[in-house]
Amino acid sequence: MNDHTSVEPKRKGLSRVWHAFFYSLEGLRAGWLEPAFRQEAILALLILPGAWWLGQSWTEVVLLIGVVVAVLVVELLNTAVESAIDRVGPEWHALSKRSKDIGSAAVLLSLLLCGGVWLTALWRWWIA
């Protein structure tokens, strides 16, 4: 017999949206406790104003902002994967390592994309 007393009731409509918003804030708060996310978030706050300066059109500004936000999103997803793996247990397992390595690779690719976009924008500004 399943005990459903610990399961939250299914919310609908604006109540669901309202509660989801606060769950998301809790997720951001949890992400902030991770050093990698915190470092990337601080760097994002420092460089994002430069998107309006470097971008020569609204499309370029959105691209410069978007790749930075993508890094933060991927870092949060990687943290979620790592947390879920750690919940299973602290012992080493090949699939746990593989999951964490794949998450780390996703973060690396997002950082390389972000760096490439920003370096290209800076290069174009430099030679103009």
C-alpha atoms as a PDB file:
ATOM      1  CA  MET A   1       0.000   0.000   0.000  1.00  0.00           C
ATOM      2  CA  ASN A   2       1.359   3.400  -0.973  1.00  0.00           C
ATOM      3  CA  ASP A   3       1.295   6.165   1.576  1.00  0.00           C
ATOM      4  CA  HIS A   4       0.496   9.346  -0.317  1.00  0.00           C
ATOM      5  CA  THR A   5       0.405  11.585   2.742  1.00  0.00           C
ATOM      6  CA  SER A   6       3.841  13.040   1.951  1.00  0.00           C
ATOM      7  CA  VAL A   7       2.965  13.871  -1.657  1.00  0.00           C
ATOM      8  CA  GLU A   8       1.885  17.440  -2.298  1.00  0.00           C
ATOM      9  CA  PRO A   9      -1.544  17.895  -3.836  1.00  0.00           C
ATOM     10  CA  LYS A  10      -1.742  18.582  -7.560  1.00  0.00           C
ATOM     11  CA  ARG A  11      -2.199  22.301  -8.040  1.00  0.00           C
ATOM     12  CA  LYS A  12      -3.870  23.855 -11.035  1.00  0.00           C
ATOM     13  CA  GLY A  13      -4.024  27.222 -12.691  1.00  0.00           C
ATOM     14  CA  LEU A  14      -2.465  30.246 -11.053  1.00  0.00           C
ATOM     15  CA  SER A  15      -1.867  28.354  -7.808  1.00  0.00           C
ATOM     16  CA  ARG A  16       0.451  25.971  -9.676  1.00  0.00           C
ATOM     17  CA  VAL A  17       2.290  28.863 -11.327  1.00  0.00           C
ATOM     18  CA  TRP A  18       2.585  30.703  -8.011  1.00  0.00           C
ATOM     19  CA  HIS A  19       4.048  27.701  -6.205  1.00  0.00           C
ATOM     20  CA  ALA A  20       6.317  26.826  -9.148  1.00  0.00           C
ATOM     21  CA  PHE A  21       7.762  30.340  -8.999  1.00  0.00           C
ATOM     22  CA  PHE A  22       8.766  29.872  -5.365  1.00  0.00           C
ATOM     23  CA  TYR A  23      10.180  26.399  -6.068  1.00  0.00           C
ATOM     24  CA  SER A  24      12.295  28.016  -8.775  1.00  0.00           C
ATOM     25  CA  LEU A  25      13.549  30.631  -6.322  1.00  0.00           C
ATOM     26  CA  GLU A  26      14.500  27.795  -3.953  1.00  0.00           C
ATOM     27  CA  GLY A  27      16.385  26.195  -6.845  1.00  0.00           C
ATOM     28  CA  LEU A  28      18.288  29.410  -7.509  1.00  0.00           C
ATOM     29  CA  ARG A  29      19.066  29.680  -3.807  1.00  0.00           C
ATOM     30  CA  ALA A  30      20.362  26.086  -3.810  1.00  0.00           C
ATOM     31  CA  GLY A  31      22.389  26.805  -6.953  1.00  0.00           C
ATOM     32  CA  TRP A  32      23.946  29.833  -5.273  1.00  0.00           C
ATOM     33  CA  LEU A  33      25.388  27.509  -2.629  1.00  0.00           C
ATOM     34  CA  GLU A  34      27.427  25.783  -5.364  1.00  0.00           C
ATOM     35  CA  PRO A  35      30.773  27.552  -5.910  1.00  0.00           C
ATOM     36  CA  ALA A  36      30.818  27.032  -9.700  1.00  0.00           C
ATOM     37  CA  PHE A  37      27.340  28.500 -10.164  1.00  0.00           C
ATOM     38  CA  ARG A  38      28.107  31.389  -7.829  1.00  0.00           C
ATOM     39  CA  GLN A  39      31.313  32.237  -9.739  1.00  0.00           C
ATOM     40  CA  GLU A  40      29.535  32.092 -13.090  1.00  0.00           C
ATOM     41  CA  ALA A  41      26.624  34.178 -11.791  1.00  0.00           C
ATOM     42  CA  ILE A  42      28.964  36.873 -10.471  1.00  0.00           C
ATOM     43  CA  LEU A  43      30.868  36.894 -13.763  1.00  0.00           C
ATOM     44  CA  ALA A  44      27.537  37.147 -15.596  1.00  0.00           C
ATOM     45  CA  LEU A  45      26.543  40.191 -13.559  1.00  0.00           C
ATOM     46  CA  LEU A  46      29.872  41.806 -14.430  1.00  0.00           C
ATOM     47  CA  ILE A  47      29.852  41.144 -18.176  1.00  0.00           C
ATOM     48  CA  LEU A  48      26.151  41.355 -19.073  1.00  0.00           C
ATOM     49  CA  PRO A  49      26.078  45.174 -19.184  1.00  0.00           C
ATOM     50  CA  GLY A  50      28.728  44.876 -21.890  1.00  0.00           C
ATOM     51  CA  ALA A  51      26.209  43.124 -24.135  1.00  0.00           C
ATOM     52  CA  TRP A  52      24.448  46.451 -24.762  1.00  0.00           C
ATOM     53  CA  TRP A  53      27.779  48.093 -25.495  1.00  0.00           C
ATOM     54  CA  LEU A  54      29.176  45.354 -27.754  1.00  0.00           C
ATOM     55  CA  GLY A  55      26.016  44.340 -29.563  1.00  0.00           C
ATOM     56  CA  GLN A  56      25.377  46.300 -32.733  1.00  0.00           C
ATOM     57  CA  SER A  57      21.757  45.160 -33.034  1.00  0.00           C
ATOM     58  CA  TRP A  58      19.097  43.783 -30.749  1.00  0.00           C
ATOM     59  CA  THR A  59      19.864  40.317 -32.158  1.00  0.00           C
ATOM     60  CA  GLU A  60      23.508  40.563 -31.135  1.00  0.00           C
ATOM     61  CA  VAL A  61      22.599  41.844 -27.671  1.00  0.00           C
ATOM     62  CA  VAL A  62      20.189  38.943 -27.194  1.00  0.00           C
ATOM     63  CA  LEU A  63      22.841  36.472 -28.406  1.00  0.00           C
ATOM     64  CA  LEU A  64      25.455  37.839 -26.012  1.00  0.00           C
ATOM     65  CA  ILE A  65      22.991  37.686 -23.116  1.00  0.00           C
ATOM     66  CA  GLY A  66      21.594  34.320 -24.193  1.00  0.00           C
ATOM     67  CA  VAL A  67      24.895  32.471 -24.179  1.00  0.00           C
ATOM     68  CA  VAL A  68      25.652  33.742 -20.669  1.00  0.00           C
ATOM     69  CA  VAL A  69      22.230  32.663 -19.419  1.00  0.00           C
ATOM     70  CA  ALA A  70      22.739  29.299 -21.149  1.00  0.00           C
ATOM     71  CA  VAL A  71      25.901  28.733 -19.091  1.00  0.00           C
ATOM     72  CA  LEU A  72      23.941  29.359 -15.897  1.00  0.00           C
ATOM     73  CA  VAL A  73      21.124  27.045 -16.986  1.00  0.00           C
ATOM     74  CA  VAL A  74      23.522  24.234 -17.894  1.00  0.00           C
ATOM     75  CA  GLU A  75      25.380  24.677 -14.596  1.00  0.00           C
ATOM     76  CA  LEU A  76      22.100  24.389 -12.670  1.00  0.00           C
ATOM     77  CA  LEU A  77      21.153  21.245 -14.605  1.00  0.00           C
ATOM     78  CA  ASN A  78      24.598  19.770 -13.953  1.00  0.00           C
ATOM     79  CA  THR A  79      24.194  20.505 -10.248  1.00  0.00           C
ATOM     80  CA  ALA A  80      20.779  18.815 -10.294  1.00  0.00           C
ATOM     81  CA  VAL A  81      22.275  15.695 -11.900  1.00  0.00           C
ATOM     82  CA  GLU A  82      25.106  15.622  -9.377  1.00  0.00           C
ATOM     83  CA  SER A  83      22.679  16.045  -6.476  1.00  0.00           C
ATOM     84  CA  ALA A  84      20.481  13.207  -7.716  1.00  0.00           C
ATOM     85  CA  ILE A  85      23.511  10.930  -8.150  1.00  0.00           C
ATOM     86  CA  ASP A  86      24.808  11.831  -4.680  1.00  0.00           C
ATOM     87  CA  ARG A  87      21.402  11.034  -3.178  1.00  0.00           C
ATOM     88  CA  VAL A  88      21.662   7.484  -4.492  1.00  0.00           C
ATOM     89  CA  GLY A  89      24.810   6.923  -2.459  1.00  0.00           C
ATOM     90  CA  PRO A  90      28.400   8.021  -1.879  1.00  0.00           C
ATOM     91  CA  GLU A  91      29.987   4.836  -3.212  1.00  0.00           C
ATOM     92  CA  TRP A  92      31.767   4.966  -6.549  1.00  0.00           C
ATOM     93  CA  HIS A  93      29.908   3.564  -9.542  1.00  0.00           C
ATOM     94  CA  ALA A  94      30.809   3.712 -13.237  1.00  0.00           C
ATOM     95  CA  LEU A  95      27.366   5.031 -14.243  1.00  0.00           C
ATOM     96  CA  SER A  96      27.461   7.707 -11.542  1.00  0.00           C
ATOM     97  CA  LYS A  97      30.867   8.834 -12.783  1.00  0.00           C
ATOM     98  CA  ARG A  98      29.629   8.782 -16.376  1.00  0.00           C
ATOM     99  CA  SER A  99      26.585  10.907 -15.498  1.00  0.00           C
ATOM    100  CA  LYS A 100      28.684  13.465 -13.661  1.00  0.00           C
ATOM    101  CA  ASP A 101      31.289  13.560 -16.440  1.00  0.00           C
ATOM    102  CA  ILE A 102      28.610  14.105 -19.089  1.00  0.00           C
ATOM    103  CA  GLY A 103      27.113  16.940 -17.026  1.00  0.00           C
ATOM    104  CA  SER A 104      30.563  18.474 -16.682  1.00  0.00           C
ATOM    105  CA  ALA A 105      31.116  18.175 -20.436  1.00  0.00           C
ATOM    106  CA  ALA A 106      27.829  20.019 -21.032  1.00  0.00           C
ATOM    107  CA  VAL A 107      29.050  22.862 -18.816  1.00  0.00           C
ATOM    108  CA  LEU A 108      32.363  22.942 -20.696  1.00  0.00           C
ATOM    109  CA  LEU A 109      30.612  23.150 -24.074  1.00  0.00           C
ATOM    110  CA  SER A 110      28.353  25.957 -22.867  1.00  0.00           C
ATOM    111  CA  LEU A 111      31.384  27.860 -21.559  1.00  0.00           C
ATOM    112  CA  LEU A 112      33.239  27.382 -24.856  1.00  0.00           C
ATOM    113  CA  LEU A 113      30.205  28.607 -26.812  1.00  0.00           C
ATOM    114  CA  CYS A 114      29.839  31.615 -24.526  1.00  0.00           C
ATOM    115  CA  GLY A 115      33.531  32.443 -24.709  1.00  0.00           C
ATOM    116  CA  GLY A 116      33.540  32.085 -28.493  1.00  0.00           C
ATOM    117  CA  VAL A 117      30.565  34.392 -28.970  1.00  0.00           C
ATOM    118  CA  TRP A 118      31.962  37.038 -26.622  1.00  0.00           C
ATOM    119  CA  LEU A 119      35.493  36.828 -28.073  1.00  0.00           C
ATOM    120  CA  THR A 120      34.087  37.181 -31.585  1.00  0.00           C
ATOM    121  CA  ALA A 121      32.114  40.266 -30.539  1.00  0.00           C
ATOM    122  CA  LEU A 122      35.203  41.730 -28.859  1.00  0.00           C
ATOM    123  CA  TRP A 123      37.359  40.947 -31.889  1.00  0.00           C
ATOM    124  CA  ARG A 124      34.895  42.653 -34.226  1.00  0.00           C
ATOM    125  CA  TRP A 125      34.816  45.692 -31.913  1.00  0.00           C
ATOM    126  CA  TRP A 126      38.630  45.746 -31.728  1.00  0.00           C
ATOM    127  CA  ILE A 127      39.205  45.690 -35.498  1.00  0.00           C
ATOM    128  CA  ALA A 128      36.372  48.115 -36.312  1.00  0.00           C
END
